[in-house]
């Protein structure tokens, strides 16, 4: 009878061990979800800020055009096309695809 009780008590986990393991797992998953949510919120704020102030990139547009070798008339057309693309991207990022 002694051998049977030793074998029975050695098999499996106790309820306390399972509860502690589940508590640790839920804490890790909760922390991970919190960090992912913070990252997504920060990314959304940066994206909205970027499209809210497109003229922040305007000082660099001339340098980019000079590097590409475009003339003055082509530069203004290129900048106008670039603004249209930025506006279209802003509308798509906000979810108002009309």
Foldseek 3Di string as FASTA:
>chain_A
DVVVVVVVVVDDDDPVVVVVVVVVVVVVVVVVVVVVVVVVVVVLVVVLVCLVCVCVCVVVLVVVCVVVPDDPVVSVVVVVVVVVVSVCVNCVSVPNND
